PDB file of N, CA and C in Angstrom:
ATOM      1  N   UNK A   1       0.827  -1.254  -0.046  1.00  0.00           N
ATOM      2  CA  UNK A   1       0.051  -0.127   0.001  1.00  0.00           C
ATOM      3  C   UNK A   1       0.882   1.211   0.081  1.00  0.00           C
ATOM      4  N   UNK A   2       0.431   2.262  -0.791  1.00  0.00           N
ATOM      5  CA  UNK A   2       1.265   3.400  -0.917  1.00  0.00           C
ATOM      6  C   UNK A   2       0.929   4.338   0.216  1.00  0.00           C
ATOM      7  N   UNK A   3       1.993   5.205   0.651  1.00  0.00           N
ATOM      8  CA  UNK A   3       1.656   5.891   1.847  1.00  0.00           C
ATOM      9  C   UNK A   3       1.305   7.511   1.401  1.00  0.00           C
ATOM     10  N   UNK A   4       1.424   7.786   0.034  1.00  0.00           N
ATOM     11  CA  UNK A   4       1.052   9.048  -0.379  1.00  0.00           C
ATOM     12  C   UNK A   4      -0.463   9.455  -0.126  1.00  0.00           C
ATOM     13  N   UNK A   5      -0.876  10.834  -0.035  1.00  0.00           N
ATOM     14  CA  UNK A   5      -2.116  11.168   0.294  1.00  0.00           C
ATOM     15  C   UNK A   5      -2.994  11.410  -1.061  1.00  0.00           C
ATOM     16  N   UNK A   6      -4.276  11.110  -0.773  1.00  0.00           N
ATOM     17  CA  UNK A   6      -5.127  11.326  -1.907  1.00  0.00           C
ATOM     18  C   UNK A   6      -5.891  12.711  -1.600  1.00  0.00           C
ATOM     19  N   UNK A   7      -6.180  13.712  -2.598  1.00  0.00           N
ATOM     20  CA  UNK A   7      -6.629  14.818  -2.281  1.00  0.00           C
ATOM     21  C   UNK A   7      -8.206  14.701  -2.352  1.00  0.00           C
ATOM     22  N   UNK A   8      -8.885  15.375  -1.279  1.00  0.00           N
ATOM     23  CA  UNK A   8     -10.281  15.371  -0.979  1.00  0.00           C
ATOM     24  C   UNK A   8     -10.801  16.770  -0.988  1.00  0.00           C
ATOM     25  N   UNK A   9     -10.040  17.807  -1.467  1.00  0.00           N
ATOM     26  CA  UNK A   9     -10.452  19.149  -1.565  1.00  0.00           C
ATOM     27  C   UNK A   9     -10.225  19.579  -2.875  1.00  0.00           C
ATOM     28  N   UNK A  10     -10.904  20.889  -3.035  1.00  0.00           N
ATOM     29  CA  UNK A  10     -10.841  21.420  -4.353  1.00  0.00           C
ATOM     30  C   UNK A  10     -11.659  20.729  -5.427  1.00  0.00           C
ATOM     31  N   UNK A  11     -11.183  20.669  -6.663  1.00  0.00           N
ATOM     32  CA  UNK A  11     -11.870  19.813  -7.704  1.00  0.00           C
ATOM     33  C   UNK A  11     -11.917  18.528  -7.398  1.00  0.00           C
ATOM     34  N   UNK A  12     -10.875  17.979  -6.743  1.00  0.00           N
ATOM     35  CA  UNK A  12     -10.783  16.569  -6.505  1.00  0.00           C
ATOM     36  C   UNK A  12     -11.677  16.257  -5.277  1.00  0.00           C
ATOM     37  N   UNK A  13     -12.243  17.138  -4.514  1.00  0.00           N
ATOM     38  CA  UNK A  13     -13.174  16.894  -3.560  1.00  0.00           C
ATOM     39  C   UNK A  13     -14.760  16.837  -4.150  1.00  0.00           C
ATOM     40  N   UNK A  14     -14.905  17.396  -5.357  1.00  0.00           N
ATOM     41  CA  UNK A  14     -16.227  17.214  -6.003  1.00  0.00           C
ATOM     42  C   UNK A  14     -16.353  15.892  -6.853  1.00  0.00           C
ATOM     43  N   UNK A  15     -15.322  15.629  -7.495  1.00  0.00           N
ATOM     44  CA  UNK A  15     -15.262  14.422  -8.520  1.00  0.00           C
ATOM     45  C   UNK A  15     -13.957  13.990  -8.475  1.00  0.00           C
ATOM     46  N   UNK A  16     -13.696  12.664  -8.649  1.00  0.00           N
ATOM     47  CA  UNK A  16     -12.476  11.947  -8.796  1.00  0.00           C
ATOM     48  C   UNK A  16     -11.466  12.378  -9.826  1.00  0.00           C
ATOM     49  N   UNK A  17     -12.244  12.522 -11.151  1.00  0.00           N
ATOM     50  CA  UNK A  17     -11.688  12.858 -12.194  1.00  0.00           C
ATOM     51  C   UNK A  17     -12.078  14.061 -12.953  1.00  0.00           C
ATOM     52  N   UNK A  18     -12.075  15.195 -12.325  1.00  0.00           N
ATOM     53  CA  UNK A  18     -12.686  16.358 -12.617  1.00  0.00           C
ATOM     54  C   UNK A  18     -11.807  16.944 -13.826  1.00  0.00           C
ATOM     55  N   UNK A  19     -10.614  16.779 -13.932  1.00  0.00           N
ATOM     56  CA  UNK A  19      -9.722  17.128 -15.004  1.00  0.00           C
ATOM     57  C   UNK A  19     -10.220  16.550 -16.381  1.00  0.00           C
ATOM     58  N   UNK A  20     -10.736  15.354 -16.251  1.00  0.00           N
ATOM     59  CA  UNK A  20     -11.241  14.789 -17.594  1.00  0.00           C
ATOM     60  C   UNK A  20     -12.533  15.519 -18.137  1.00  0.00           C
ATOM     61  N   UNK A  21     -13.266  15.988 -17.156  1.00  0.00           N
ATOM     62  CA  UNK A  21     -14.631  16.832 -17.564  1.00  0.00           C
ATOM     63  C   UNK A  21     -14.157  18.042 -18.188  1.00  0.00           C
ATOM     64  N   UNK A  22     -12.934  18.750 -17.679  1.00  0.00           N
ATOM     65  CA  UNK A  22     -12.404  20.046 -18.364  1.00  0.00           C
ATOM     66  C   UNK A  22     -11.855  19.688 -19.747  1.00  0.00           C
ATOM     67  N   UNK A  23     -11.277  18.411 -19.863  1.00  0.00           N
ATOM     68  CA  UNK A  23     -10.710  18.189 -21.251  1.00  0.00           C
ATOM     69  C   UNK A  23     -11.869  17.918 -22.260  1.00  0.00           C
ATOM     70  N   UNK A  24     -12.913  17.387 -21.749  1.00  0.00           N
ATOM     71  CA  UNK A  24     -14.132  17.196 -22.572  1.00  0.00           C
ATOM     72  C   UNK A  24     -14.660  18.546 -23.069  1.00  0.00           C
ATOM     73  N   UNK A  25     -14.650  19.644 -22.041  1.00  0.00           N
ATOM     74  CA  UNK A  25     -15.257  20.960 -22.569  1.00  0.00           C
ATOM     75  C   UNK A  25     -14.363  21.386 -23.557  1.00  0.00           C
ATOM     76  N   UNK A  26     -13.128  21.261 -23.550  1.00  0.00           N
ATOM     77  CA  UNK A  26     -12.018  21.779 -24.514  1.00  0.00           C
ATOM     78  C   UNK A  26     -12.491  21.035 -25.986  1.00  0.00           C
ATOM     79  N   UNK A  27     -12.661  19.903 -25.868  1.00  0.00           N
ATOM     80  CA  UNK A  27     -12.889  19.040 -27.117  1.00  0.00           C
ATOM     81  C   UNK A  27     -14.239  19.562 -27.750  1.00  0.00           C
ATOM     82  N   UNK A  28     -15.042  19.862 -26.853  1.00  0.00           N
ATOM     83  CA  UNK A  28     -16.467  20.437 -27.414  1.00  0.00           C
ATOM     84  C   UNK A  28     -16.180  21.763 -27.954  1.00  0.00           C
ATOM     85  N   UNK A  29     -15.461  22.538 -27.284  1.00  0.00           N
ATOM     86  CA  UNK A  29     -15.198  24.000 -27.781  1.00  0.00           C
ATOM     87  C   UNK A  29     -14.454  23.907 -29.254  1.00  0.00           C
ATOM     88  N   UNK A  30     -13.778  22.899 -29.400  1.00  0.00           N
ATOM     89  CA  UNK A  30     -13.017  22.645 -30.812  1.00  0.00           C
ATOM     90  C   UNK A  30     -14.027  22.531 -31.947  1.00  0.00           C
ATOM     91  N   UNK A  31     -15.049  21.569 -31.500  1.00  0.00           N
ATOM     92  CA  UNK A  31     -15.956  21.225 -32.706  1.00  0.00           C
ATOM     93  C   UNK A  31     -17.196  22.007 -32.758  1.00  0.00           C
ATOM     94  N   UNK A  32     -17.615  22.827 -31.861  1.00  0.00           N
ATOM     95  CA  UNK A  32     -18.722  23.662 -31.905  1.00  0.00           C
ATOM     96  C   UNK A  32     -18.853  24.465 -33.146  1.00  0.00           C
ATOM     97  N   UNK A  33     -17.791  25.203 -33.545  1.00  0.00           N
ATOM     98  CA  UNK A  33     -17.919  26.065 -34.726  1.00  0.00           C
ATOM     99  C   UNK A  33     -18.088  25.333 -36.001  1.00  0.00           C
ATOM    100  N   UNK A  34     -17.898  24.001 -36.080  1.00  0.00           N
ATOM    101  CA  UNK A  34     -17.916  23.092 -37.182  1.00  0.00           C
ATOM    102  C   UNK A  34     -19.240  22.907 -37.696  1.00  0.00           C
ATOM    103  N   UNK A  35     -19.531  22.662 -39.034  1.00  0.00           N
ATOM    104  CA  UNK A  35     -20.966  22.534 -39.544  1.00  0.00           C
ATOM    105  C   UNK A  35     -21.132  21.003 -39.781  1.00  0.00           C
ATOM    106  N   UNK A  36     -20.107  20.250 -40.184  1.00  0.00           N
ATOM    107  CA  UNK A  36     -20.349  18.862 -40.576  1.00  0.00           C
ATOM    108  C   UNK A  36     -20.453  17.922 -39.404  1.00  0.00           C
ATOM    109  N   UNK A  37     -21.208  16.984 -39.426  1.00  0.00           N
ATOM    110  CA  UNK A  37     -21.454  16.060 -38.387  1.00  0.00           C
ATOM    111  C   UNK A  37     -20.295  15.162 -38.088  1.00  0.00           C
ATOM    112  N   UNK A  38     -19.222  14.931 -39.072  1.00  0.00           N
ATOM    113  CA  UNK A  38     -18.171  14.179 -38.934  1.00  0.00           C
ATOM    114  C   UNK A  38     -17.209  14.764 -37.984  1.00  0.00           C
ATOM    115  N   UNK A  39     -17.210  16.070 -37.922  1.00  0.00           N
ATOM    116  CA  UNK A  39     -16.225  16.786 -37.103  1.00  0.00           C
ATOM    117  C   UNK A  39     -16.579  16.504 -35.522  1.00  0.00           C
ATOM    118  N   UNK A  40     -17.809  16.210 -35.263  1.00  0.00           N
ATOM    119  CA  UNK A  40     -18.140  16.006 -33.944  1.00  0.00           C
ATOM    120  C   UNK A  40     -17.773  14.482 -33.368  1.00  0.00           C
ATOM    121  N   UNK A  41     -17.288  13.700 -34.388  1.00  0.00           N
ATOM    122  CA  UNK A  41     -16.662  12.459 -33.893  1.00  0.00           C
ATOM    123  C   UNK A  41     -15.592  12.478 -33.127  1.00  0.00           C
ATOM    124  N   UNK A  42     -14.614  13.749 -33.190  1.00  0.00           N
ATOM    125  CA  UNK A  42     -13.652  13.925 -32.092  1.00  0.00           C
ATOM    126  C   UNK A  42     -14.218  14.019 -30.821  1.00  0.00           C
ATOM    127  N   UNK A  43     -15.192  14.745 -30.571  1.00  0.00           N
ATOM    128  CA  UNK A  43     -15.913  14.924 -29.181  1.00  0.00           C
ATOM    129  C   UNK A  43     -16.461  13.562 -28.668  1.00  0.00           C
ATOM    130  N   UNK A  44     -16.991  12.843 -29.631  1.00  0.00           N
ATOM    131  CA  UNK A  44     -17.495  11.562 -29.269  1.00  0.00           C
ATOM    132  C   UNK A  44     -16.414  10.473 -28.897  1.00  0.00           C
ATOM    133  N   UNK A  45     -15.416  10.599 -29.742  1.00  0.00           N
ATOM    134  CA  UNK A  45     -14.245   9.611 -29.485  1.00  0.00           C
ATOM    135  C   UNK A  45     -13.690   9.923 -28.160  1.00  0.00           C
ATOM    136  N   UNK A  46     -13.421  11.314 -27.828  1.00  0.00           N
ATOM    137  CA  UNK A  46     -12.699  11.545 -26.610  1.00  0.00           C
ATOM    138  C   UNK A  46     -13.540  11.380 -25.391  1.00  0.00           C
ATOM    139  N   UNK A  47     -14.907  11.392 -25.608  1.00  0.00           N
ATOM    140  CA  UNK A  47     -15.860  11.213 -24.523  1.00  0.00           C
ATOM    141  C   UNK A  47     -15.794   9.710 -24.098  1.00  0.00           C
ATOM    142  N   UNK A  48     -15.862   8.856 -24.997  1.00  0.00           N
ATOM    143  CA  UNK A  48     -15.793   7.370 -25.012  1.00  0.00           C
ATOM    144  C   UNK A  48     -14.356   6.963 -24.228  1.00  0.00           C
ATOM    145  N   UNK A  49     -13.405   7.603 -24.761  1.00  0.00           N
ATOM    146  CA  UNK A  49     -11.997   7.232 -24.266  1.00  0.00           C
ATOM    147  C   UNK A  49     -11.906   7.687 -22.842  1.00  0.00           C
ATOM    148  N   UNK A  50     -12.477   8.935 -22.596  1.00  0.00           N
ATOM    149  CA  UNK A  50     -12.293   9.455 -21.012  1.00  0.00           C
ATOM    150  C   UNK A  50     -13.202   8.587 -20.178  1.00  0.00           C
ATOM    151  N   UNK A  51     -14.301   8.204 -20.593  1.00  0.00           N
ATOM    152  CA  UNK A  51     -15.141   7.324 -19.563  1.00  0.00           C
ATOM    153  C   UNK A  51     -14.450   5.856 -19.379  1.00  0.00           C
ATOM    154  N   UNK A  52     -13.828   5.282 -20.438  1.00  0.00           N
ATOM    155  CA  UNK A  52     -12.954   4.091 -20.319  1.00  0.00           C
ATOM    156  C   UNK A  52     -11.907   4.372 -19.361  1.00  0.00           C
ATOM    157  N   UNK A  53     -11.147   5.490 -19.572  1.00  0.00           N
ATOM    158  CA  UNK A  53     -10.050   5.867 -18.805  1.00  0.00           C
ATOM    159  C   UNK A  53     -10.299   5.907 -17.363  1.00  0.00           C
ATOM    160  N   UNK A  54     -11.394   6.599 -17.001  1.00  0.00           N
ATOM    161  CA  UNK A  54     -11.875   6.817 -15.517  1.00  0.00           C
ATOM    162  C   UNK A  54     -11.830   5.447 -14.827  1.00  0.00           C
ATOM    163  N   UNK A  55     -12.417   4.469 -15.484  1.00  0.00           N
ATOM    164  CA  UNK A  55     -12.580   3.032 -14.848  1.00  0.00           C
ATOM    165  C   UNK A  55     -11.193   2.428 -14.886  1.00  0.00           C
ATOM    166  N   UNK A  56     -10.394   2.538 -15.905  1.00  0.00           N
ATOM    167  CA  UNK A  56      -9.124   1.942 -15.851  1.00  0.00           C
ATOM    168  C   UNK A  56      -8.192   2.554 -14.862  1.00  0.00           C
ATOM    169  N   UNK A  57      -8.346   4.090 -14.706  1.00  0.00           N
ATOM    170  CA  UNK A  57      -7.465   4.622 -13.635  1.00  0.00           C
ATOM    171  C   UNK A  57      -7.757   4.279 -12.265  1.00  0.00           C
ATOM    172  N   UNK A  58      -9.247   4.020 -12.017  1.00  0.00           N
ATOM    173  CA  UNK A  58      -9.709   3.634 -10.739  1.00  0.00           C
ATOM    174  C   UNK A  58      -9.265   2.341 -10.405  1.00  0.00           C
ATOM    175  N   UNK A  59      -9.111   1.347 -11.288  1.00  0.00           N
ATOM    176  CA  UNK A  59      -8.667   0.062 -10.999  1.00  0.00           C
ATOM    177  C   UNK A  59      -7.113   0.091 -10.593  1.00  0.00           C
ATOM    178  N   UNK A  60      -6.468   0.863 -11.197  1.00  0.00           N
ATOM    179  CA  UNK A  60      -5.033   1.063 -10.957  1.00  0.00           C
ATOM    180  C   UNK A  60      -4.959   1.572  -9.557  1.00  0.00           C
ATOM    181  N   UNK A  61      -5.688   2.631  -9.282  1.00  0.00           N
ATOM    182  CA  UNK A  61      -5.558   3.216  -7.974  1.00  0.00           C
ATOM    183  C   UNK A  61      -6.096   2.277  -6.931  1.00  0.00           C
ATOM    184  N   UNK A  62      -6.859   1.455  -7.144  1.00  0.00           N
ATOM    185  CA  UNK A  62      -7.342   0.531  -6.238  1.00  0.00           C
ATOM    186  C   UNK A  62      -6.455  -0.286  -5.831  1.00  0.00           C
ATOM    187  N   UNK A  63      -5.603  -0.848  -6.805  1.00  0.00           N
ATOM    188  CA  UNK A  63      -4.347  -1.661  -6.562  1.00  0.00           C
ATOM    189  C   UNK A  63      -3.278  -0.979  -6.003  1.00  0.00           C
ATOM    190  N   UNK A  64      -3.081   0.302  -6.123  1.00  0.00           N
ATOM    191  CA  UNK A  64      -1.992   0.937  -5.662  1.00  0.00           C
ATOM    192  C   UNK A  64      -2.206   1.477  -4.242  1.00  0.00           C
ATOM    193  N   UNK A  65      -3.277   1.947  -4.021  1.00  0.00           N
ATOM    194  CA  UNK A  65      -3.668   2.617  -2.648  1.00  0.00           C
ATOM    195  C   UNK A  65      -4.561   1.641  -1.608  1.00  0.00           C
ATOM    196  N   UNK A  66      -4.947   0.624  -2.166  1.00  0.00           N
ATOM    197  CA  UNK A  66      -5.769  -0.351  -1.396  1.00  0.00           C
ATOM    198  C   UNK A  66      -7.030   0.352  -0.598  1.00  0.00           C
ATOM    199  N   UNK A  67      -6.919   0.067   0.613  1.00  0.00           N
ATOM    200  CA  UNK A  67      -8.104   0.540   1.405  1.00  0.00           C
ATOM    201  C   UNK A  67      -8.184   2.032   1.556  1.00  0.00           C
ATOM    202  N   UNK A  68      -6.936   2.818   1.362  1.00  0.00           N
ATOM    203  CA  UNK A  68      -7.056   4.266   1.277  1.00  0.00           C
ATOM    204  C   UNK A  68      -7.877   4.736   0.142  1.00  0.00           C
ATOM    205  N   UNK A  69      -7.771   3.981  -1.053  1.00  0.00           N
ATOM    206  CA  UNK A  69      -8.627   4.535  -2.134  1.00  0.00           C
ATOM    207  C   UNK A  69     -10.162   4.048  -1.962  1.00  0.00           C
ATOM    208  N   UNK A  70     -10.524   2.985  -1.202  1.00  0.00           N
ATOM    209  CA  UNK A  70     -11.879   2.733  -0.901  1.00  0.00           C
ATOM    210  C   UNK A  70     -12.446   3.823  -0.095  1.00  0.00           C
ATOM    211  N   UNK A  71     -11.615   4.348   1.047  1.00  0.00           N
ATOM    212  CA  UNK A  71     -12.120   5.350   1.677  1.00  0.00           C
ATOM    213  C   UNK A  71     -12.273   6.727   0.936  1.00  0.00           C
ATOM    214  N   UNK A  72     -11.322   6.849   0.025  1.00  0.00           N
ATOM    215  CA  UNK A  72     -11.377   8.164  -0.982  1.00  0.00           C
ATOM    216  C   UNK A  72     -12.652   8.093  -1.674  1.00  0.00           C
ATOM    217  N   UNK A  73     -12.935   6.921  -2.153  1.00  0.00           N
ATOM    218  CA  UNK A  73     -14.123   6.887  -2.976  1.00  0.00           C
ATOM    219  C   UNK A  73     -15.479   6.952  -2.130  1.00  0.00           C
ATOM    220  N   UNK A  74     -15.498   6.659  -0.787  1.00  0.00           N
ATOM    221  CA  UNK A  74     -16.571   7.063  -0.020  1.00  0.00           C
ATOM    222  C   UNK A  74     -16.647   8.592   0.361  1.00  0.00           C
ATOM    223  N   UNK A  75     -15.634   9.172   0.456  1.00  0.00           N
ATOM    224  CA  UNK A  75     -15.485  10.611   0.535  1.00  0.00           C
ATOM    225  C   UNK A  75     -15.816  11.351  -0.641  1.00  0.00           C
ATOM    226  N   UNK A  76     -15.648  10.901  -1.830  1.00  0.00           N
ATOM    227  CA  UNK A  76     -15.847  11.600  -3.038  1.00  0.00           C
ATOM    228  C   UNK A  76     -16.564  10.670  -3.975  1.00  0.00           C
ATOM    229  N   UNK A  77     -17.916  10.594  -3.960  1.00  0.00           N
ATOM    230  CA  UNK A  77     -18.710   9.616  -4.583  1.00  0.00           C
ATOM    231  C   UNK A  77     -18.799   9.787  -6.112  1.00  0.00           C
ATOM    232  N   UNK A  78     -18.591  10.896  -6.547  1.00  0.00           N
ATOM    233  CA  UNK A  78     -18.739  11.091  -8.001  1.00  0.00           C
ATOM    234  C   UNK A  78     -17.359  10.936  -8.847  1.00  0.00           C
ATOM    235  N   UNK A  79     -17.402  10.196  -9.941  1.00  0.00           N
ATOM    236  CA  UNK A  79     -16.417  10.011 -10.699  1.00  0.00           C
ATOM    237  C   UNK A  79     -15.870  10.966 -11.742  1.00  0.00           C
ATOM    238  N   UNK A  80     -16.965  11.678 -12.435  1.00  0.00           N
ATOM    239  CA  UNK A  80     -16.539  12.343 -13.592  1.00  0.00           C
ATOM    240  C   UNK A  80     -17.233  13.884 -13.485  1.00  0.00           C
ATOM    241  N   UNK A  81     -18.346  13.876 -13.165  1.00  0.00           N
ATOM    242  CA  UNK A  81     -19.118  15.279 -12.892  1.00  0.00           C
ATOM    243  C   UNK A  81     -19.962  15.051 -11.583  1.00  0.00           C
ATOM    244  N   UNK A  82     -19.766  16.137 -10.963  1.00  0.00           N
ATOM    245  CA  UNK A  82     -20.396  16.112  -9.542  1.00  0.00           C
ATOM    246  C   UNK A  82     -21.998  16.108  -9.581  1.00  0.00           C
ATOM    247  N   UNK A  83     -22.568  15.192  -8.946  1.00  0.00           N
ATOM    248  CA  UNK A  83     -23.937  15.060  -8.748  1.00  0.00           C
ATOM    249  C   UNK A  83     -24.666  14.430 -10.019  1.00  0.00           C
ATOM    250  N   UNK A  84     -23.842  13.970 -10.972  1.00  0.00           N
ATOM    251  CA  UNK A  84     -24.324  13.356 -12.124  1.00  0.00           C
ATOM    252  C   UNK A  84     -23.738  11.939 -12.381  1.00  0.00           C
ATOM    253  N   UNK A  85     -22.334  11.992 -12.501  1.00  0.00           N
ATOM    254  CA  UNK A  85     -21.704  10.618 -12.603  1.00  0.00           C
ATOM    255  C   UNK A  85     -20.348  10.584 -11.940  1.00  0.00           C
TER     256      UNK A  85
END
């Protein structure tokens, strides 16, 4: 088990992967000015990738931090977006 601390304040106190939500907003801002539907595939791809990455990162953190990560998940129940997911 790792002895480092997990943040439960700031953005990481609202959701465990809040930075991925910000990255999705950037991807959306890139494609909003576009008119073709194919350009929105970038946003869709990054959204699917980020959701998959959330679960993959949590699996690694559970292995790395053990019971500390379980307690962290209890304190910060949302993964991606506060009060939604």
